[in-house]
Amino acid sequence: MRGLLVTPLAIVVAGPDPARAQTALDLAAAAAALGRPVAMLFDGASVELLPALADALATALDLGVEVTACTTGLALSETLLPQGVTPGGMVSFLQANPAANLTVV
């Protein structure tokens, strides 16, 4: 991808399905490994999956994926915010990623 303009990728994990969240993290890590800027939002109840996905989450973060956890989801669950994950909401996520291709998983 050297010398090409690369469109950022924004992935929203919309629900608490572990397989879909794992696939979203795998997709994010693969895109980041190829040099594509990637941001993820774990929305609503999907934030409860973050502790169970610790290894995949760590890999994605190490590759430069920006991960946001929905503040409402955090407030409704007892999930602690993992290191490297930023609290935020849908509006701030979209504002931070205006030119990204948006994928909802």
N, C-alpha and C. Protein backbone atom coordinates (compact mmCIF):
# COMPACT_ATOMS: atom_id res chain seq x y z
N MET A 1 0.82 -1.20 0.00
CA MET A 1 0.00 0.00 0.00
C MET A 1 0.85 1.26 0.00
N ARG A 2 2.14 1.10 -0.10
CA ARG A 2 3.04 2.24 -0.07
C ARG A 2 2.73 3.20 -1.21
N GLY A 3 2.65 4.47 -0.90
CA GLY A 3 2.41 5.48 -1.90
C GLY A 3 0.94 5.69 -2.25
N LEU A 4 0.06 4.87 -1.73
CA LEU A 4 -1.36 4.99 -2.01
C LEU A 4 -2.07 5.66 -0.85
N LEU A 5 -3.12 6.37 -1.17
CA LEU A 5 -3.96 6.90 -0.11
C LEU A 5 -4.80 5.74 0.42
N VAL A 6 -4.81 5.58 1.71
CA VAL A 6 -5.51 4.47 2.33
C VAL A 6 -6.71 5.01 3.10
N THR A 7 -7.89 4.49 2.79
CA THR A 7 -9.10 4.91 3.48
C THR A 7 -9.14 4.22 4.85
N PRO A 8 -9.33 4.99 5.91
CA PRO A 8 -9.44 4.39 7.25
C PRO A 8 -10.66 3.47 7.34
N LEU A 9 -10.59 2.56 8.29
CA LEU A 9 -11.68 1.61 8.55
C LEU A 9 -12.21 1.86 9.95
N ALA A 10 -13.53 1.98 10.07
CA ALA A 10 -14.18 2.14 11.38
C ALA A 10 -15.14 0.97 11.56
N ILE A 11 -14.96 0.23 12.65
CA ILE A 11 -15.77 -0.95 12.91
C ILE A 11 -16.57 -0.73 14.19
N VAL A 12 -17.88 -0.94 14.10
CA VAL A 12 -18.75 -0.85 15.27
C VAL A 12 -19.20 -2.26 15.63
N VAL A 13 -18.89 -2.69 16.84
CA VAL A 13 -19.37 -3.98 17.36
C VAL A 13 -20.69 -3.66 18.06
N ALA A 14 -21.80 -4.13 17.45
CA ALA A 14 -23.12 -3.66 17.87
C ALA A 14 -23.80 -4.49 18.94
N GLY A 15 -23.33 -5.70 19.18
CA GLY A 15 -24.03 -6.53 20.15
C GLY A 15 -23.09 -7.48 20.86
N PRO A 16 -23.61 -8.19 21.85
CA PRO A 16 -22.75 -9.02 22.71
C PRO A 16 -22.51 -10.44 22.18
N ASP A 17 -22.31 -10.59 20.88
CA ASP A 17 -22.02 -11.90 20.29
C ASP A 17 -20.51 -12.10 20.26
N PRO A 18 -19.96 -13.04 21.04
CA PRO A 18 -18.50 -13.20 21.13
C PRO A 18 -17.84 -13.55 19.79
N ALA A 19 -18.48 -14.37 18.98
CA ALA A 19 -17.88 -14.75 17.70
C ALA A 19 -17.78 -13.56 16.76
N ARG A 20 -18.81 -12.73 16.74
CA ARG A 20 -18.79 -11.54 15.87
C ARG A 20 -17.75 -10.52 16.36
N ALA A 21 -17.66 -10.37 17.68
CA ALA A 21 -16.67 -9.44 18.24
C ALA A 21 -15.25 -9.93 17.95
N GLN A 22 -15.03 -11.24 18.06
CA GLN A 22 -13.72 -11.81 17.76
C GLN A 22 -13.36 -11.57 16.29
N THR A 23 -14.33 -11.79 15.40
CA THR A 23 -14.09 -11.55 13.98
C THR A 23 -13.80 -10.07 13.71
N ALA A 24 -14.50 -9.19 14.39
CA ALA A 24 -14.26 -7.76 14.23
C ALA A 24 -12.84 -7.40 14.66
N LEU A 25 -12.39 -7.95 15.78
CA LEU A 25 -11.01 -7.70 16.23
C LEU A 25 -9.99 -8.29 15.26
N ASP A 26 -10.27 -9.47 14.72
CA ASP A 26 -9.37 -10.08 13.74
C ASP A 26 -9.29 -9.21 12.48
N LEU A 27 -10.43 -8.72 12.02
CA LEU A 27 -10.47 -7.85 10.85
C LEU A 27 -9.68 -6.56 11.11
N ALA A 28 -9.89 -5.98 12.28
CA ALA A 28 -9.18 -4.75 12.64
C ALA A 28 -7.67 -4.98 12.67
N ALA A 29 -7.24 -6.08 13.28
CA ALA A 29 -5.81 -6.38 13.37
C ALA A 29 -5.20 -6.62 12.00
N ALA A 30 -5.91 -7.34 11.14
CA ALA A 30 -5.41 -7.61 9.80
C ALA A 30 -5.27 -6.32 8.99
N ALA A 31 -6.29 -5.47 9.06
CA ALA A 31 -6.23 -4.20 8.33
C ALA A 31 -5.10 -3.32 8.86
N ALA A 32 -4.94 -3.27 10.16
CA ALA A 32 -3.87 -2.46 10.76
C ALA A 32 -2.50 -3.02 10.38
N ALA A 33 -2.37 -4.34 10.33
CA ALA A 33 -1.10 -4.96 9.95
C ALA A 33 -0.72 -4.61 8.50
N LEU A 34 -1.73 -4.33 7.69
CA LEU A 34 -1.49 -3.92 6.30
C LEU A 34 -1.29 -2.42 6.16
N GLY A 35 -1.29 -1.72 7.29
CA GLY A 35 -1.04 -0.28 7.26
C GLY A 35 -2.27 0.60 7.17
N ARG A 36 -3.42 0.02 7.32
CA ARG A 36 -4.66 0.80 7.25
C ARG A 36 -5.02 1.35 8.63
N PRO A 37 -5.34 2.63 8.74
CA PRO A 37 -5.80 3.16 10.03
C PRO A 37 -7.15 2.53 10.39
N VAL A 38 -7.26 2.06 11.64
CA VAL A 38 -8.47 1.37 12.06
C VAL A 38 -8.91 1.90 13.42
N ALA A 39 -10.23 2.11 13.55
CA ALA A 39 -10.84 2.48 14.82
C ALA A 39 -12.01 1.56 15.06
N MET A 40 -12.22 1.18 16.32
CA MET A 40 -13.33 0.32 16.69
C MET A 40 -14.14 0.95 17.81
N LEU A 41 -15.44 0.71 17.77
CA LEU A 41 -16.34 1.11 18.86
C LEU A 41 -17.08 -0.12 19.33
N PHE A 42 -16.91 -0.47 20.59
CA PHE A 42 -17.72 -1.51 21.22
C PHE A 42 -18.93 -0.79 21.80
N ASP A 43 -20.09 -0.98 21.18
CA ASP A 43 -21.29 -0.23 21.53
C ASP A 43 -22.18 -1.03 22.47
N GLY A 44 -22.82 -0.34 23.40
CA GLY A 44 -23.81 -0.96 24.28
C GLY A 44 -23.28 -2.17 25.03
N ALA A 45 -24.05 -3.25 24.96
CA ALA A 45 -23.72 -4.46 25.72
C ALA A 45 -22.46 -5.15 25.23
N SER A 46 -21.95 -4.81 24.06
CA SER A 46 -20.74 -5.46 23.55
C SER A 46 -19.51 -5.15 24.42
N VAL A 47 -19.57 -4.09 25.22
CA VAL A 47 -18.42 -3.77 26.09
C VAL A 47 -18.18 -4.89 27.11
N GLU A 48 -19.23 -5.65 27.42
CA GLU A 48 -19.07 -6.76 28.37
C GLU A 48 -18.15 -7.86 27.84
N LEU A 49 -17.92 -7.87 26.53
CA LEU A 49 -17.07 -8.89 25.91
C LEU A 49 -15.58 -8.58 26.03
N LEU A 50 -15.23 -7.35 26.30
CA LEU A 50 -13.83 -6.94 26.27
C LEU A 50 -12.91 -7.80 27.15
N PRO A 51 -13.28 -8.12 28.39
CA PRO A 51 -12.37 -8.96 29.20
C PRO A 51 -12.13 -10.35 28.59
N ALA A 52 -13.15 -10.94 28.00
CA ALA A 52 -13.02 -12.27 27.40
C ALA A 52 -12.20 -12.26 26.12
N LEU A 53 -12.06 -11.09 25.52
CA LEU A 53 -11.32 -10.94 24.26
C LEU A 53 -9.95 -10.30 24.49
N ALA A 54 -9.42 -10.45 25.69
CA ALA A 54 -8.21 -9.73 26.08
C ALA A 54 -7.03 -9.97 25.13
N ASP A 55 -6.80 -11.21 24.70
CA ASP A 55 -5.66 -11.48 23.82
C ASP A 55 -5.82 -10.81 22.46
N ALA A 56 -6.98 -10.96 21.85
CA ALA A 56 -7.24 -10.34 20.55
C ALA A 56 -7.23 -8.82 20.67
N LEU A 57 -7.77 -8.31 21.77
CA LEU A 57 -7.77 -6.88 22.01
C LEU A 57 -6.35 -6.35 22.13
N ALA A 58 -5.50 -7.06 22.87
CA ALA A 58 -4.10 -6.64 23.03
C ALA A 58 -3.37 -6.63 21.69
N THR A 59 -3.63 -7.62 20.86
CA THR A 59 -3.00 -7.67 19.54
C THR A 59 -3.43 -6.47 18.70
N ALA A 60 -4.73 -6.21 18.67
CA ALA A 60 -5.24 -5.07 17.90
C ALA A 60 -4.64 -3.76 18.40
N LEU A 61 -4.61 -3.58 19.70
CA LEU A 61 -4.04 -2.35 20.27
C LEU A 61 -2.55 -2.23 19.92
N ASP A 62 -1.82 -3.34 20.00
CA ASP A 62 -0.39 -3.33 19.66
C ASP A 62 -0.16 -2.93 18.20
N LEU A 63 -1.12 -3.24 17.34
CA LEU A 63 -1.00 -2.91 15.92
C LEU A 63 -1.49 -1.49 15.61
N GLY A 64 -1.92 -0.78 16.64
CA GLY A 64 -2.32 0.61 16.46
C GLY A 64 -3.81 0.85 16.28
N VAL A 65 -4.62 -0.18 16.47
CA VAL A 65 -6.07 0.00 16.36
C VAL A 65 -6.53 0.86 17.53
N GLU A 66 -7.34 1.87 17.23
CA GLU A 66 -7.91 2.72 18.28
C GLU A 66 -9.24 2.09 18.71
N VAL A 67 -9.35 1.76 19.99
CA VAL A 67 -10.55 1.08 20.48
C VAL A 67 -11.28 1.98 21.48
N THR A 68 -12.57 2.14 21.23
CA THR A 68 -13.43 2.95 22.10
C THR A 68 -14.51 2.04 22.68
N ALA A 69 -14.82 2.23 23.96
CA ALA A 69 -15.91 1.51 24.62
C ALA A 69 -17.02 2.51 24.93
N CYS A 70 -18.23 2.14 24.56
CA CYS A 70 -19.40 2.98 24.78
C CYS A 70 -19.57 3.32 26.26
N THR A 71 -19.68 4.60 26.56
CA THR A 71 -19.82 5.02 27.95
C THR A 71 -21.12 4.52 28.56
N THR A 72 -22.18 4.47 27.77
CA THR A 72 -23.45 3.96 28.28
C THR A 72 -23.32 2.48 28.60
N GLY A 73 -22.69 1.73 27.72
CA GLY A 73 -22.47 0.30 27.96
C GLY A 73 -21.64 0.06 29.20
N LEU A 74 -20.62 0.88 29.39
CA LEU A 74 -19.79 0.76 30.59
C LEU A 74 -20.60 1.04 31.85
N ALA A 75 -21.46 2.05 31.78
CA ALA A 75 -22.27 2.43 32.94
C ALA A 75 -23.29 1.34 33.30
N LEU A 76 -23.78 0.63 32.29
CA LEU A 76 -24.80 -0.39 32.52
C LEU A 76 -24.22 -1.75 32.91
N SER A 77 -22.93 -1.90 32.72
CA SER A 77 -22.31 -3.18 33.06
C SER A 77 -21.31 -2.97 34.19
N GLU A 78 -20.75 -4.03 34.65
CA GLU A 78 -19.73 -3.94 35.69
C GLU A 78 -18.34 -4.10 35.08
N THR A 79 -18.24 -3.91 33.79
CA THR A 79 -16.99 -4.09 33.07
C THR A 79 -16.05 -2.93 33.34
N LEU A 80 -14.82 -3.27 33.68
CA LEU A 80 -13.79 -2.25 33.84
C LEU A 80 -13.18 -1.95 32.49
N LEU A 81 -12.81 -0.73 32.28
CA LEU A 81 -12.23 -0.32 31.01
C LEU A 81 -10.82 -0.89 30.88
N PRO A 82 -10.59 -1.75 29.89
CA PRO A 82 -9.25 -2.31 29.71
C PRO A 82 -8.23 -1.23 29.36
N GLN A 83 -6.98 -1.47 29.73
CA GLN A 83 -5.92 -0.53 29.41
C GLN A 83 -5.82 -0.37 27.90
N GLY A 84 -5.70 0.87 27.45
CA GLY A 84 -5.58 1.16 26.03
C GLY A 84 -6.89 1.45 25.34
N VAL A 85 -8.01 1.19 26.03
CA VAL A 85 -9.34 1.43 25.46
C VAL A 85 -9.85 2.76 26.01
N THR A 86 -10.41 3.56 25.12
CA THR A 86 -10.89 4.89 25.48
C THR A 86 -12.41 4.88 25.64
N PRO A 87 -12.95 5.53 26.67
CA PRO A 87 -14.40 5.65 26.76
C PRO A 87 -14.90 6.70 25.76
N GLY A 88 -16.07 6.47 25.21
CA GLY A 88 -16.63 7.43 24.26
C GLY A 88 -18.01 7.00 23.82
N GLY A 89 -18.55 7.72 22.88
CA GLY A 89 -19.88 7.41 22.38
C GLY A 89 -19.92 7.43 20.87
N MET A 90 -21.08 7.15 20.32
CA MET A 90 -21.25 7.05 18.87
C MET A 90 -20.93 8.37 18.17
N VAL A 91 -21.39 9.48 18.72
CA VAL A 91 -21.16 10.77 18.08
C VAL A 91 -19.67 11.10 18.03
N SER A 92 -18.99 10.96 19.15
CA SER A 92 -17.55 11.27 19.17
C SER A 92 -16.77 10.30 18.28
N PHE A 93 -17.20 9.04 18.22
CA PHE A 93 -16.56 8.05 17.36
C PHE A 93 -16.69 8.46 15.89
N LEU A 94 -17.89 8.83 15.48
CA LEU A 94 -18.11 9.24 14.10
C LEU A 94 -17.39 10.56 13.78
N GLN A 95 -17.37 11.48 14.73
CA GLN A 95 -16.64 12.74 14.51
C GLN A 95 -15.15 12.50 14.33
N ALA A 96 -14.60 11.53 15.05
CA ALA A 96 -13.17 11.23 14.97
C ALA A 96 -12.81 10.46 13.71
N ASN A 97 -13.80 9.90 13.02
CA ASN A 97 -13.55 9.04 11.86
C ASN A 97 -14.44 9.41 10.68
N PRO A 98 -14.43 10.69 10.26
CA PRO A 98 -15.40 11.13 9.25
C PRO A 98 -15.18 10.54 7.86
N ALA A 99 -13.97 10.16 7.52
CA ALA A 99 -13.68 9.67 6.17
C ALA A 99 -13.55 8.15 6.12
N ALA A 100 -13.83 7.48 7.21
CA ALA A 100 -13.62 6.03 7.29
C ALA A 100 -14.74 5.25 6.61
N ASN A 101 -14.38 4.09 6.08
CA ASN A 101 -15.39 3.12 5.68
C ASN A 101 -15.96 2.53 6.95
N LEU A 102 -17.27 2.56 7.09
CA LEU A 102 -17.92 2.11 8.32
C LEU A 102 -18.47 0.69 8.16
N THR A 103 -18.09 -0.18 9.09
CA THR A 103 -18.56 -1.57 9.10
C THR A 103 -19.22 -1.82 10.44
N VAL A 104 -20.43 -2.35 10.42
CA VAL A 104 -21.13 -2.69 11.65
C VAL A 104 -21.18 -4.22 11.75
N VAL A 105 -20.69 -4.73 12.88
CA VAL A 105 -20.64 -6.18 13.08
C VAL A 105 -21.54 -6.54 14.25
